[in-house]
């Protein structure tokens, strides 16, 4: 069974996509789609049009006013303390072991090595 659809920003590589696919997610990479270097607004329109949960290292996507929870498919901002593919993979692995991405769908989440802060949509009722 395929789980939700995910788009990885250009700063995430094949190893990250492979890990998510192994967990059952339908994954596209910005890099593979020829969208590397595109303006954030262009990329964001594509993410939303495709209804994909977005995973990035780009702090530009951390603005809760611009990317208000409940107005998009979801953002997971990975903030490893050190650079490198393995550090990013470690944070992503930790997040997935704690909860499936479906539980933070529509949210703006920021994760590091030890904690995931989740901003959820306001209650509608």
PDB file of N, CA and C in Angstrom:
ATOM      1  N   UNK A   1       0.843  -1.179   0.000  1.00  0.00           N
ATOM      2  CA  UNK A   1       0.000   0.000   0.000  1.00  0.00           C
ATOM      3  C   UNK A   1       0.890   1.246   0.000  1.00  0.00           C
ATOM      4  N   UNK A   2       0.607   2.152  -0.925  1.00  0.00           N
ATOM      5  CA  UNK A   2       1.376   3.389  -0.998  1.00  0.00           C
ATOM      6  C   UNK A   2       0.794   4.407  -0.035  1.00  0.00           C
ATOM      7  N   UNK A   3       1.651   5.044   0.686  1.00  0.00           N
ATOM      8  CA  UNK A   3       1.241   6.081   1.625  1.00  0.00           C
ATOM      9  C   UNK A   3       1.185   7.416   0.906  1.00  0.00           C
ATOM     10  N   UNK A   4       1.134   8.487   1.643  1.00  0.00           N
ATOM     11  CA  UNK A   4       0.985   9.824   1.066  1.00  0.00           C
ATOM     12  C   UNK A   4       2.125  10.176   0.120  1.00  0.00           C
ATOM     13  N   UNK A   5       1.879  11.185  -0.696  1.00  0.00           N
ATOM     14  CA  UNK A   5       2.867  11.676  -1.650  1.00  0.00           C
ATOM     15  C   UNK A   5       3.731  12.747  -0.998  1.00  0.00           C
ATOM     16  N   UNK A   6       5.034  12.672  -1.278  1.00  0.00           N
ATOM     17  CA  UNK A   6       6.024  13.554  -0.680  1.00  0.00           C
ATOM     18  C   UNK A   6       6.884  14.154  -1.783  1.00  0.00           C
ATOM     19  N   UNK A   7       7.264  15.425  -1.614  1.00  0.00           N
ATOM     20  CA  UNK A   7       8.248  16.038  -2.507  1.00  0.00           C
ATOM     21  C   UNK A   7       9.439  16.465  -1.661  1.00  0.00           C
ATOM     22  N   UNK A   8      10.630  16.091  -2.113  1.00  0.00           N
ATOM     23  CA  UNK A   8      11.865  16.459  -1.431  1.00  0.00           C
ATOM     24  C   UNK A   8      12.496  17.649  -2.136  1.00  0.00           C
ATOM     25  N   UNK A   9      12.864  18.652  -1.376  1.00  0.00           N
ATOM     26  CA  UNK A   9      13.520  19.827  -1.914  1.00  0.00           C
ATOM     27  C   UNK A   9      14.881  19.439  -2.492  1.00  0.00           C
ATOM     28  N   UNK A  10      15.477  20.379  -3.227  1.00  0.00           N
ATOM     29  CA  UNK A  10      16.727  20.083  -3.927  1.00  0.00           C
ATOM     30  C   UNK A  10      17.882  19.759  -2.986  1.00  0.00           C
ATOM     31  N   UNK A  11      17.752  20.093  -1.711  1.00  0.00           N
ATOM     32  CA  UNK A  11      18.835  19.834  -0.768  1.00  0.00           C
ATOM     33  C   UNK A  11      18.743  18.453  -0.122  1.00  0.00           C
ATOM     34  N   UNK A  12      17.839  17.624  -0.614  1.00  0.00           N
ATOM     35  CA  UNK A  12      17.741  16.236  -0.153  1.00  0.00           C
ATOM     36  C   UNK A  12      18.051  15.311  -1.328  1.00  0.00           C
ATOM     37  N   UNK A  13      18.769  14.241  -1.040  1.00  0.00           N
ATOM     38  CA  UNK A  13      19.284  13.396  -2.109  1.00  0.00           C
ATOM     39  C   UNK A  13      18.569  12.063  -2.294  1.00  0.00           C
ATOM     40  N   UNK A  14      19.191  11.253  -3.140  1.00  0.00           N
ATOM     41  CA  UNK A  14      18.616   9.931  -3.475  1.00  0.00           C
ATOM     42  C   UNK A  14      18.489   9.032  -2.250  1.00  0.00           C
ATOM     43  N   UNK A  15      19.444   9.134  -1.320  1.00  0.00           N
ATOM     44  CA  UNK A  15      19.396   8.287  -0.125  1.00  0.00           C
ATOM     45  C   UNK A  15      18.165   8.624   0.729  1.00  0.00           C
ATOM     46  N   UNK A  16      17.810   9.885   0.776  1.00  0.00           N
ATOM     47  CA  UNK A  16      16.630  10.296   1.549  1.00  0.00           C
ATOM     48  C   UNK A  16      15.355   9.807   0.861  1.00  0.00           C
ATOM     49  N   UNK A  17      15.326   9.943  -0.463  1.00  0.00           N
ATOM     50  CA  UNK A  17      14.175   9.465  -1.231  1.00  0.00           C
ATOM     51  C   UNK A  17      14.028   7.950  -1.084  1.00  0.00           C
ATOM     52  N   UNK A  18      15.138   7.233  -1.141  1.00  0.00           N
ATOM     53  CA  UNK A  18      15.094   5.767  -1.031  1.00  0.00           C
ATOM     54  C   UNK A  18      14.552   5.343   0.337  1.00  0.00           C
ATOM     55  N   UNK A  19      14.981   6.024   1.381  1.00  0.00           N
ATOM     56  CA  UNK A  19      14.506   5.681   2.724  1.00  0.00           C
ATOM     57  C   UNK A  19      12.996   5.887   2.830  1.00  0.00           C
ATOM     58  N   UNK A  20      12.509   7.001   2.298  1.00  0.00           N
ATOM     59  CA  UNK A  20      11.072   7.274   2.341  1.00  0.00           C
ATOM     60  C   UNK A  20      10.284   6.277   1.485  1.00  0.00           C
ATOM     61  N   UNK A  21      10.817   5.938   0.324  1.00  0.00           N
ATOM     62  CA  UNK A  21      10.139   4.938  -0.528  1.00  0.00           C
ATOM     63  C   UNK A  21      10.078   3.591   0.174  1.00  0.00           C
ATOM     64  N   UNK A  22      11.148   3.226   0.854  1.00  0.00           N
ATOM     65  CA  UNK A  22      11.170   1.969   1.597  1.00  0.00           C
ATOM     66  C   UNK A  22      10.102   1.966   2.681  1.00  0.00           C
ATOM     67  N   UNK A  23       9.801   3.157   3.226  1.00  0.00           N
ATOM     68  CA  UNK A  23       8.755   3.286   4.244  1.00  0.00           C
ATOM     69  C   UNK A  23       7.360   3.339   3.617  1.00  0.00           C
ATOM     70  N   UNK A  24       7.299   3.301   2.275  1.00  0.00           N
ATOM     71  CA  UNK A  24       6.023   3.228   1.592  1.00  0.00           C
ATOM     72  C   UNK A  24       5.492   4.516   1.012  1.00  0.00           C
ATOM     73  N   UNK A  25       6.285   5.590   1.078  1.00  0.00           N
ATOM     74  CA  UNK A  25       5.825   6.875   0.561  1.00  0.00           C
ATOM     75  C   UNK A  25       6.083   6.993  -0.939  1.00  0.00           C
ATOM     76  N   UNK A  26       5.223   7.739  -1.623  1.00  0.00           N
ATOM     77  CA  UNK A  26       5.373   8.078  -3.032  1.00  0.00           C
ATOM     78  C   UNK A  26       6.209   9.355  -3.068  1.00  0.00           C
ATOM     79  N   UNK A  27       7.441   9.276  -3.546  1.00  0.00           N
ATOM     80  CA  UNK A  27       8.397  10.375  -3.413  1.00  0.00           C
ATOM     81  C   UNK A  27       8.834  10.910  -4.777  1.00  0.00           C
ATOM     82  N   UNK A  28       8.781  12.236  -4.902  1.00  0.00           N
ATOM     83  CA  UNK A  28       9.377  12.957  -6.029  1.00  0.00           C
ATOM     84  C   UNK A  28      10.470  13.845  -5.466  1.00  0.00           C
ATOM     85  N   UNK A  29      11.509  14.065  -6.272  1.00  0.00           N
ATOM     86  CA  UNK A  29      12.578  14.978  -5.874  1.00  0.00           C
ATOM     87  C   UNK A  29      12.603  16.176  -6.806  1.00  0.00           C
ATOM     88  N   UNK A  30      12.714  17.364  -6.244  1.00  0.00           N
ATOM     89  CA  UNK A  30      12.810  18.592  -7.023  1.00  0.00           C
ATOM     90  C   UNK A  30      13.919  18.451  -8.063  1.00  0.00           C
ATOM     91  N   UNK A  31      15.047  17.904  -7.656  1.00  0.00           N
ATOM     92  CA  UNK A  31      16.199  17.756  -8.544  1.00  0.00           C
ATOM     93  C   UNK A  31      15.851  16.922  -9.770  1.00  0.00           C
ATOM     94  N   UNK A  32      15.161  15.792  -9.568  1.00  0.00           N
ATOM     95  CA  UNK A  32      14.822  14.891 -10.675  1.00  0.00           C
ATOM     96  C   UNK A  32      13.814  15.509 -11.630  1.00  0.00           C
ATOM     97  N   UNK A  33      13.063  16.482 -11.158  1.00  0.00           N
ATOM     98  CA  UNK A  33      12.037  17.116 -11.984  1.00  0.00           C
ATOM     99  C   UNK A  33      12.560  18.355 -12.700  1.00  0.00           C
ATOM    100  N   UNK A  34      13.862  18.643 -12.556  1.00  0.00           N
ATOM    101  CA  UNK A  34      14.447  19.797 -13.211  1.00  0.00           C
ATOM    102  C   UNK A  34      14.033  21.117 -12.591  1.00  0.00           C
ATOM    103  N   UNK A  35      13.623  21.075 -11.323  1.00  0.00           N
ATOM    104  CA  UNK A  35      13.172  22.294 -10.643  1.00  0.00           C
ATOM    105  C   UNK A  35      14.250  22.908  -9.753  1.00  0.00           C
ATOM    106  N   UNK A  36      15.438  22.346  -9.750  1.00  0.00           N
ATOM    107  CA  UNK A  36      16.517  22.906  -8.930  1.00  0.00           C
ATOM    108  C   UNK A  36      16.796  24.328  -9.361  1.00  0.00           C
ATOM    109  N   UNK A  37      16.966  25.210  -8.382  1.00  0.00           N
ATOM    110  CA  UNK A  37      17.271  26.594  -8.675  1.00  0.00           C
ATOM    111  C   UNK A  37      16.052  27.457  -8.942  1.00  0.00           C
ATOM    112  N   UNK A  38      14.875  26.850  -8.986  1.00  0.00           N
ATOM    113  CA  UNK A  38      13.655  27.636  -9.184  1.00  0.00           C
ATOM    114  C   UNK A  38      13.391  28.505  -7.956  1.00  0.00           C
ATOM    115  N   UNK A  39      12.693  29.592  -8.165  1.00  0.00           N
ATOM    116  CA  UNK A  39      12.278  30.451  -7.054  1.00  0.00           C
ATOM    117  C   UNK A  39      11.386  29.652  -6.105  1.00  0.00           C
ATOM    118  N   UNK A  40      11.441  29.985  -4.822  1.00  0.00           N
ATOM    119  CA  UNK A  40      10.617  29.280  -3.839  1.00  0.00           C
ATOM    120  C   UNK A  40       9.133  29.334  -4.194  1.00  0.00           C
ATOM    121  N   UNK A  41       8.653  30.484  -4.685  1.00  0.00           N
ATOM    122  CA  UNK A  41       7.233  30.614  -5.021  1.00  0.00           C
ATOM    123  C   UNK A  41       6.826  29.652  -6.134  1.00  0.00           C
ATOM    124  N   UNK A  42       7.682  29.500  -7.136  1.00  0.00           N
ATOM    125  CA  UNK A  42       7.410  28.579  -8.239  1.00  0.00           C
ATOM    126  C   UNK A  42       7.355  27.144  -7.723  1.00  0.00           C
ATOM    127  N   UNK A  43       8.333  26.800  -6.924  1.00  0.00           N
ATOM    128  CA  UNK A  43       8.393  25.459  -6.351  1.00  0.00           C
ATOM    129  C   UNK A  43       7.177  25.205  -5.458  1.00  0.00           C
ATOM    130  N   UNK A  44       6.829  26.177  -4.635  1.00  0.00           N
ATOM    131  CA  UNK A  44       5.717  26.018  -3.702  1.00  0.00           C
ATOM    132  C   UNK A  44       4.395  25.822  -4.440  1.00  0.00           C
ATOM    133  N   UNK A  45       4.194  26.563  -5.525  1.00  0.00           N
ATOM    134  CA  UNK A  45       2.966  26.376  -6.325  1.00  0.00           C
ATOM    135  C   UNK A  45       2.891  24.950  -6.846  1.00  0.00           C
ATOM    136  N   UNK A  46       4.019  24.411  -7.267  1.00  0.00           N
ATOM    137  CA  UNK A  46       4.055  23.041  -7.788  1.00  0.00           C
ATOM    138  C   UNK A  46       3.740  22.037  -6.679  1.00  0.00           C
ATOM    139  N   UNK A  47       4.348  22.217  -5.508  1.00  0.00           N
ATOM    140  CA  UNK A  47       4.102  21.335  -4.361  1.00  0.00           C
ATOM    141  C   UNK A  47       2.605  21.299  -4.046  1.00  0.00           C
ATOM    142  N   UNK A  48       2.009  22.481  -3.953  1.00  0.00           N
ATOM    143  CA  UNK A  48       0.588  22.565  -3.593  1.00  0.00           C
ATOM    144  C   UNK A  48      -0.312  22.015  -4.697  1.00  0.00           C
ATOM    145  N   UNK A  49       0.013  22.308  -5.946  1.00  0.00           N
ATOM    146  CA  UNK A  49      -0.788  21.807  -7.066  1.00  0.00           C
ATOM    147  C   UNK A  49      -0.794  20.281  -7.093  1.00  0.00           C
ATOM    148  N   UNK A  50       0.331  19.677  -6.726  1.00  0.00           N
ATOM    149  CA  UNK A  50       0.436  18.219  -6.704  1.00  0.00           C
ATOM    150  C   UNK A  50      -0.065  17.625  -5.393  1.00  0.00           C
ATOM    151  N   UNK A  51      -0.325  18.474  -4.403  1.00  0.00           N
ATOM    152  CA  UNK A  51      -0.812  17.987  -3.114  1.00  0.00           C
ATOM    153  C   UNK A  51       0.202  17.136  -2.369  1.00  0.00           C
ATOM    154  N   UNK A  52       1.475  17.477  -2.520  1.00  0.00           N
ATOM    155  CA  UNK A  52       2.537  16.689  -1.890  1.00  0.00           C
ATOM    156  C   UNK A  52       3.016  17.325  -0.590  1.00  0.00           C
ATOM    157  N   UNK A  53       3.270  16.490   0.404  1.00  0.00           N
ATOM    158  CA  UNK A  53       3.906  16.892   1.650  1.00  0.00           C
ATOM    159  C   UNK A  53       5.343  17.268   1.294  1.00  0.00           C
ATOM    160  N   UNK A  54       5.839  18.402   1.790  1.00  0.00           N
ATOM    161  CA  UNK A  54       7.130  18.936   1.377  1.00  0.00           C
ATOM    162  C   UNK A  54       8.162  18.807   2.487  1.00  0.00           C
ATOM    163  N   UNK A  55       9.320  18.232   2.160  1.00  0.00           N
ATOM    164  CA  UNK A  55      10.417  18.091   3.113  1.00  0.00           C
ATOM    165  C   UNK A  55      11.603  18.897   2.590  1.00  0.00           C
ATOM    166  N   UNK A  56      12.160  19.758   3.452  1.00  0.00           N
ATOM    167  CA  UNK A  56      13.200  20.687   3.034  1.00  0.00           C
ATOM    168  C   UNK A  56      14.170  20.995   4.168  1.00  0.00           C
ATOM    169  N   UNK A  57      15.281  21.602   3.816  1.00  0.00           N
ATOM    170  CA  UNK A  57      16.228  22.176   4.777  1.00  0.00           C
ATOM    171  C   UNK A  57      16.190  23.700   4.704  1.00  0.00           C
ATOM    172  N   UNK A  58      15.397  24.247   3.806  1.00  0.00           N
ATOM    173  CA  UNK A  58      15.364  25.674   3.496  1.00  0.00           C
ATOM    174  C   UNK A  58      14.543  26.448   4.522  1.00  0.00           C
ATOM    175  N   UNK A  59      15.225  27.304   5.288  1.00  0.00           N
ATOM    176  CA  UNK A  59      14.558  28.095   6.331  1.00  0.00           C
ATOM    177  C   UNK A  59      13.500  29.051   5.788  1.00  0.00           C
ATOM    178  N   UNK A  60      13.539  29.337   4.486  1.00  0.00           N
ATOM    179  CA  UNK A  60      12.523  30.208   3.900  1.00  0.00           C
ATOM    180  C   UNK A  60      11.116  29.622   4.073  1.00  0.00           C
ATOM    181  N   UNK A  61      11.026  28.319   4.273  1.00  0.00           N
ATOM    182  CA  UNK A  61       9.722  27.661   4.422  1.00  0.00           C
ATOM    183  C   UNK A  61       9.284  27.551   5.885  1.00  0.00           C
ATOM    184  N   UNK A  62       9.974  28.252   6.784  1.00  0.00           N
ATOM    185  CA  UNK A  62       9.651  28.157   8.212  1.00  0.00           C
ATOM    186  C   UNK A  62       8.712  29.259   8.699  1.00  0.00           C
ATOM    187  N   UNK A  63       8.339  30.180   7.835  1.00  0.00           N
ATOM    188  CA  UNK A  63       7.497  31.313   8.222  1.00  0.00           C
ATOM    189  C   UNK A  63       6.046  30.858   8.391  1.00  0.00           C
ATOM    190  N   UNK A  64       5.594  30.770   9.642  1.00  0.00           N
ATOM    191  CA  UNK A  64       4.262  30.247   9.935  1.00  0.00           C
ATOM    192  C   UNK A  64       3.157  31.172   9.405  1.00  0.00           C
ATOM    193  N   UNK A  65       3.470  32.446   9.213  1.00  0.00           N
ATOM    194  CA  UNK A  65       2.464  33.363   8.647  1.00  0.00           C
ATOM    195  C   UNK A  65       2.305  33.119   7.157  1.00  0.00           C
ATOM    196  N   UNK A  66       3.397  32.888   6.476  1.00  0.00           N
ATOM    197  CA  UNK A  66       3.350  32.641   5.027  1.00  0.00           C
ATOM    198  C   UNK A  66       2.864  31.232   4.710  1.00  0.00           C
ATOM    199  N   UNK A  67       3.230  30.287   5.537  1.00  0.00           N
ATOM    200  CA  UNK A  67       2.871  28.883   5.321  1.00  0.00           C
ATOM    201  C   UNK A  67       2.008  28.404   6.485  1.00  0.00           C
ATOM    202  N   UNK A  68       0.883  29.060   6.665  1.00  0.00           N
ATOM    203  CA  UNK A  68       0.004  28.779   7.798  1.00  0.00           C
ATOM    204  C   UNK A  68      -0.494  27.336   7.773  1.00  0.00           C
ATOM    205  N   UNK A  69      -0.377  26.626   8.908  1.00  0.00           N
ATOM    206  CA  UNK A  69      -0.880  25.258   8.982  1.00  0.00           C
ATOM    207  C   UNK A  69      -2.348  25.189   8.550  1.00  0.00           C
ATOM    208  N   UNK A  70      -2.668  24.167   7.780  1.00  0.00           N
ATOM    209  CA  UNK A  70      -4.023  23.982   7.293  1.00  0.00           C
ATOM    210  C   UNK A  70      -4.257  24.570   5.919  1.00  0.00           C
ATOM    211  N   UNK A  71      -3.276  25.326   5.396  1.00  0.00           N
ATOM    212  CA  UNK A  71      -3.433  25.941   4.077  1.00  0.00           C
ATOM    213  C   UNK A  71      -2.617  25.228   3.000  1.00  0.00           C
ATOM    214  N   UNK A  72      -1.978  24.133   3.362  1.00  0.00           N
ATOM    215  CA  UNK A  72      -1.093  23.416   2.438  1.00  0.00           C
ATOM    216  C   UNK A  72      -1.020  21.940   2.845  1.00  0.00           C
ATOM    217  N   UNK A  73      -0.394  21.102   1.996  1.00  0.00           N
ATOM    218  CA  UNK A  73      -0.304  19.666   2.303  1.00  0.00           C
ATOM    219  C   UNK A  73       0.592  19.329   3.492  1.00  0.00           C
ATOM    220  N   UNK A  74       1.469  20.242   3.885  1.00  0.00           N
ATOM    221  CA  UNK A  74       2.366  19.994   5.014  1.00  0.00           C
ATOM    222  C   UNK A  74       3.808  20.262   4.664  1.00  0.00           C
ATOM    223  N   UNK A  75       4.549  20.749   5.655  1.00  0.00           N
ATOM    224  CA  UNK A  75       5.981  21.035   5.497  1.00  0.00           C
ATOM    225  C   UNK A  75       6.714  20.414   6.676  1.00  0.00           C
ATOM    226  N   UNK A  76       7.799  19.721   6.372  1.00  0.00           N
ATOM    227  CA  UNK A  76       8.722  19.241   7.400  1.00  0.00           C
ATOM    228  C   UNK A  76      10.068  19.883   7.111  1.00  0.00           C
ATOM    229  N   UNK A  77      10.485  20.779   7.998  1.00  0.00           N
ATOM    230  CA  UNK A  77      11.770  21.452   7.886  1.00  0.00           C
ATOM    231  C   UNK A  77      12.769  20.710   8.756  1.00  0.00           C
ATOM    232  N   UNK A  78      13.796  20.154   8.133  1.00  0.00           N
ATOM    233  CA  UNK A  78      14.817  19.393   8.853  1.00  0.00           C
ATOM    234  C   UNK A  78      15.957  20.329   9.231  1.00  0.00           C
ATOM    235  N   UNK A  79      16.342  20.300  10.515  1.00  0.00           N
ATOM    236  CA  UNK A  79      17.371  21.197  11.033  1.00  0.00           C
ATOM    237  C   UNK A  79      18.461  20.416  11.770  1.00  0.00           C
ATOM    238  N   UNK A  80      19.246  19.609  11.054  1.00  0.00           N
ATOM    239  CA  UNK A  80      20.343  18.909  11.731  1.00  0.00           C
ATOM    240  C   UNK A  80      21.387  19.903  12.228  1.00  0.00           C
ATOM    241  N   UNK A  81      22.038  19.575  13.326  1.00  0.00           N
ATOM    242  CA  UNK A  81      23.049  20.467  13.913  1.00  0.00           C
ATOM    243  C   UNK A  81      24.302  20.551  13.053  1.00  0.00           C
ATOM    244  N   UNK A  82      24.566  19.484  12.321  1.00  0.00           N
ATOM    245  CA  UNK A  82      25.717  19.472  11.426  1.00  0.00           C
ATOM    246  C   UNK A  82      25.225  19.198  10.011  1.00  0.00           C
ATOM    247  N   UNK A  83      26.036  19.602   9.043  1.00  0.00           N
ATOM    248  CA  UNK A  83      25.674  19.373   7.653  1.00  0.00           C
ATOM    249  C   UNK A  83      25.947  17.942   7.241  1.00  0.00           C
ATOM    250  N   UNK A  84      25.616  17.638   6.054  1.00  0.00           N
ATOM    251  CA  UNK A  84      25.923  16.327   5.520  1.00  0.00           C
ATOM    252  C   UNK A  84      24.709  15.431   5.400  1.00  0.00           C
ATOM    253  N   UNK A  85      24.801  14.557   4.439  1.00  0.00           N
ATOM    254  CA  UNK A  85      23.711  13.644   4.099  1.00  0.00           C
ATOM    255  C   UNK A  85      23.300  12.763   5.275  1.00  0.00           C
ATOM    256  N   UNK A  86      24.269  12.236   6.016  1.00  0.00           N
ATOM    257  CA  UNK A  86      23.946  11.325   7.116  1.00  0.00           C
ATOM    258  C   UNK A  86      23.232  12.045   8.252  1.00  0.00           C
ATOM    259  N   UNK A  87      23.641  13.271   8.566  1.00  0.00           N
ATOM    260  CA  UNK A  87      22.985  14.038   9.631  1.00  0.00           C
ATOM    261  C   UNK A  87      21.521  14.283   9.279  1.00  0.00           C
ATOM    262  N   UNK A  88      21.260  14.625   8.023  1.00  0.00           N
ATOM    263  CA  UNK A  88      19.888  14.840   7.555  1.00  0.00           C
ATOM    264  C   UNK A  88      19.112  13.525   7.620  1.00  0.00           C
ATOM    265  N   UNK A  89      19.738  12.445   7.190  1.00  0.00           N
ATOM    266  CA  UNK A  89      19.091  11.133   7.222  1.00  0.00           C
ATOM    267  C   UNK A  89      18.754  10.728   8.654  1.00  0.00           C
ATOM    268  N   UNK A  90      19.635  11.030   9.590  1.00  0.00           N
ATOM    269  CA  UNK A  90      19.386  10.698  10.999  1.00  0.00           C
ATOM    270  C   UNK A  90      18.155  11.422  11.535  1.00  0.00           C
ATOM    271  N   UNK A  91      18.011  12.710  11.205  1.00  0.00           N
ATOM    272  CA  UNK A  91      16.854  13.471  11.669  1.00  0.00           C
ATOM    273  C   UNK A  91      15.585  12.921  11.025  1.00  0.00           C
ATOM    274  N   UNK A  92      15.623  12.684   9.724  1.00  0.00           N
ATOM    275  CA  UNK A  92      14.458  12.165   9.017  1.00  0.00           C
ATOM    276  C   UNK A  92      14.053  10.793   9.555  1.00  0.00           C
ATOM    277  N   UNK A  93      15.025   9.947   9.829  1.00  0.00           N
ATOM    278  CA  UNK A  93      14.756   8.621  10.385  1.00  0.00           C
ATOM    279  C   UNK A  93      14.094   8.732  11.757  1.00  0.00           C
ATOM    280  N   UNK A  94      14.609   9.637  12.583  1.00  0.00           N
ATOM    281  CA  UNK A  94      14.021   9.828  13.909  1.00  0.00           C
ATOM    282  C   UNK A  94      12.562  10.258  13.810  1.00  0.00           C
ATOM    283  N   UNK A  95      12.285  11.198  12.924  1.00  0.00           N
ATOM    284  CA  UNK A  95      10.907  11.675  12.756  1.00  0.00           C
ATOM    285  C   UNK A  95       9.993  10.520  12.358  1.00  0.00           C
ATOM    286  N   UNK A  96      10.408   9.724  11.389  1.00  0.00           N
ATOM    287  CA  UNK A  96       9.569   8.622  10.904  1.00  0.00           C
ATOM    288  C   UNK A  96       9.385   7.532  11.955  1.00  0.00           C
ATOM    289  N   UNK A  97      10.367   7.344  12.828  1.00  0.00           N
ATOM    290  CA  UNK A  97      10.210   6.352  13.894  1.00  0.00           C
ATOM    291  C   UNK A  97       9.227   6.828  14.954  1.00  0.00           C
ATOM    292  N   UNK A  98       9.121   8.142  15.123  1.00  0.00           N
ATOM    293  CA  UNK A  98       8.187   8.696  16.109  1.00  0.00           C
ATOM    294  C   UNK A  98       6.749   8.676  15.626  1.00  0.00           C
ATOM    295  N   UNK A  99       6.546   8.944  14.330  1.00  0.00           N
ATOM    296  CA  UNK A  99       5.185   9.048  13.807  1.00  0.00           C
ATOM    297  C   UNK A  99       5.212   8.986  12.287  1.00  0.00           C
ATOM    298  N   UNK A 100       4.159   8.468  11.688  1.00  0.00           N
ATOM    299  CA  UNK A 100       4.074   8.534  10.231  1.00  0.00           C
ATOM    300  C   UNK A 100       3.843   9.988   9.807  1.00  0.00           C
ATOM    301  N   UNK A 101       4.287  10.327   8.634  1.00  0.00           N
ATOM    302  CA  UNK A 101       4.117  11.688   8.148  1.00  0.00           C
ATOM    303  C   UNK A 101       2.647  12.084   8.067  1.00  0.00           C
ATOM    304  N   UNK A 102       1.783  11.105   7.899  1.00  0.00           N
ATOM    305  CA  UNK A 102       0.346  11.401   7.823  1.00  0.00           C
ATOM    306  C   UNK A 102      -0.149  12.138   9.061  1.00  0.00           C
ATOM    307  N   UNK A 103       0.490  11.935  10.210  1.00  0.00           N
ATOM    308  CA  UNK A 103       0.059  12.593  11.445  1.00  0.00           C
ATOM    309  C   UNK A 103       0.456  14.065  11.508  1.00  0.00           C
ATOM    310  N   UNK A 104       1.345  14.486  10.600  1.00  0.00           N
ATOM    311  CA  UNK A 104       1.706  15.908  10.557  1.00  0.00           C
ATOM    312  C   UNK A 104       1.327  16.520   9.201  1.00  0.00           C
ATOM    313  N   UNK A 105       0.469  15.844   8.478  1.00  0.00           N
ATOM    314  CA  UNK A 105      -0.034  16.373   7.212  1.00  0.00           C
ATOM    315  C   UNK A 105      -0.780  17.678   7.484  1.00  0.00           C
ATOM    316  N   UNK A 106      -0.558  18.687   6.646  1.00  0.00           N
ATOM    317  CA  UNK A 106      -1.211  19.978   6.818  1.00  0.00           C
ATOM    318  C   UNK A 106      -0.563  20.863   7.867  1.00  0.00           C
ATOM    319  N   UNK A 107       0.467  20.355   8.512  1.00  0.00           N
ATOM    320  CA  UNK A 107       1.145  21.090   9.590  1.00  0.00           C
ATOM    321  C   UNK A 107       2.450  21.705   9.078  1.00  0.00           C
ATOM    322  N   UNK A 108       2.996  22.625   9.863  1.00  0.00           N
ATOM    323  CA  UNK A 108       4.336  23.149   9.640  1.00  0.00           C
ATOM    324  C   UNK A 108       5.188  22.606  10.782  1.00  0.00           C
ATOM    325  N   UNK A 109       6.098  21.689  10.454  1.00  0.00           N
ATOM    326  CA  UNK A 109       6.889  20.993  11.467  1.00  0.00           C
ATOM    327  C   UNK A 109       8.368  21.272  11.264  1.00  0.00           C
ATOM    328  N   UNK A 110       9.074  21.418  12.388  1.00  0.00           N
ATOM    329  CA  UNK A 110      10.518  21.638  12.367  1.00  0.00           C
ATOM    330  C   UNK A 110      11.146  20.570  13.248  1.00  0.00           C
ATOM    331  N   UNK A 111      12.098  19.825  12.681  1.00  0.00           N
ATOM    332  CA  UNK A 111      12.689  18.701  13.408  1.00  0.00           C
ATOM    333  C   UNK A 111      14.210  18.811  13.453  1.00  0.00           C
ATOM    334  N   UNK A 112      14.770  18.476  14.641  1.00  0.00           N
ATOM    335  CA  UNK A 112      16.214  18.332  14.775  1.00  0.00           C
ATOM    336  C   UNK A 112      16.501  16.922  15.278  1.00  0.00           C
ATOM    337  N   UNK A 113      17.678  16.710  15.840  1.00  0.00           N
ATOM    338  CA  UNK A 113      18.062  15.351  16.257  1.00  0.00           C
ATOM    339  C   UNK A 113      17.212  14.804  17.399  1.00  0.00           C
ATOM    340  N   UNK A 114      16.618  15.681  18.198  1.00  0.00           N
ATOM    341  CA  UNK A 114      15.940  15.202  19.399  1.00  0.00           C
ATOM    342  C   UNK A 114      14.461  15.535  19.491  1.00  0.00           C
ATOM    343  N   UNK A 115      13.988  16.504  18.704  1.00  0.00           N
ATOM    344  CA  UNK A 115      12.625  16.979  18.916  1.00  0.00           C
ATOM    345  C   UNK A 115      11.995  17.444  17.610  1.00  0.00           C
ATOM    346  N   UNK A 116      10.687  17.251  17.498  1.00  0.00           N
ATOM    347  CA  UNK A 116       9.926  17.773  16.367  1.00  0.00           C
ATOM    348  C   UNK A 116       8.871  18.727  16.905  1.00  0.00           C
ATOM    349  N   UNK A 117       8.966  19.986  16.510  1.00  0.00           N
ATOM    350  CA  UNK A 117       7.966  20.990  16.881  1.00  0.00           C
ATOM    351  C   UNK A 117       6.921  21.033  15.769  1.00  0.00           C
ATOM    352  N   UNK A 118       5.663  20.853  16.130  1.00  0.00           N
ATOM    353  CA  UNK A 118       4.587  20.781  15.128  1.00  0.00           C
ATOM    354  C   UNK A 118       3.610  21.920  15.360  1.00  0.00           C
ATOM    355  N   UNK A 119       3.416  22.727  14.348  1.00  0.00           N
ATOM    356  CA  UNK A 119       2.379  23.757  14.375  1.00  0.00           C
ATOM    357  C   UNK A 119       1.206  23.199  13.580  1.00  0.00           C
ATOM    358  N   UNK A 120       0.116  22.946  14.275  1.00  0.00           N
ATOM    359  CA  UNK A 120      -1.065  22.336  13.666  1.00  0.00           C
ATOM    360  C   UNK A 120      -2.054  23.406  13.217  1.00  0.00           C
ATOM    361  N   UNK A 121      -2.942  23.044  12.275  1.00  0.00           N
ATOM    362  CA  UNK A 121      -3.993  23.988  11.871  1.00  0.00           C
ATOM    363  C   UNK A 121      -4.882  24.323  13.061  1.00  0.00           C
ATOM    364  N   UNK A 122      -5.416  25.535  13.089  1.00  0.00           N
ATOM    365  CA  UNK A 122      -6.338  25.877  14.171  1.00  0.00           C
ATOM    366  C   UNK A 122      -7.582  24.996  14.087  1.00  0.00           C
ATOM    367  N   UNK A 123      -8.151  24.687  15.231  1.00  0.00           N
ATOM    368  CA  UNK A 123      -9.371  23.865  15.244  1.00  0.00           C
ATOM    369  C   UNK A 123     -10.478  24.616  14.532  1.00  0.00           C
ATOM    370  N   UNK A 124     -11.198  23.894  13.711  1.00  0.00           N
ATOM    371  CA  UNK A 124     -12.260  24.541  12.946  1.00  0.00           C
ATOM    372  C   UNK A 124     -13.593  24.458  13.676  1.00  0.00           C
ATOM    373  N   UNK A 125     -13.652  23.787  14.811  1.00  0.00           N
ATOM    374  CA  UNK A 125     -14.934  23.692  15.473  1.00  0.00           C
ATOM    375  C   UNK A 125     -14.775  23.792  16.920  1.00  0.00           C
TER     376      UNK A 125
END
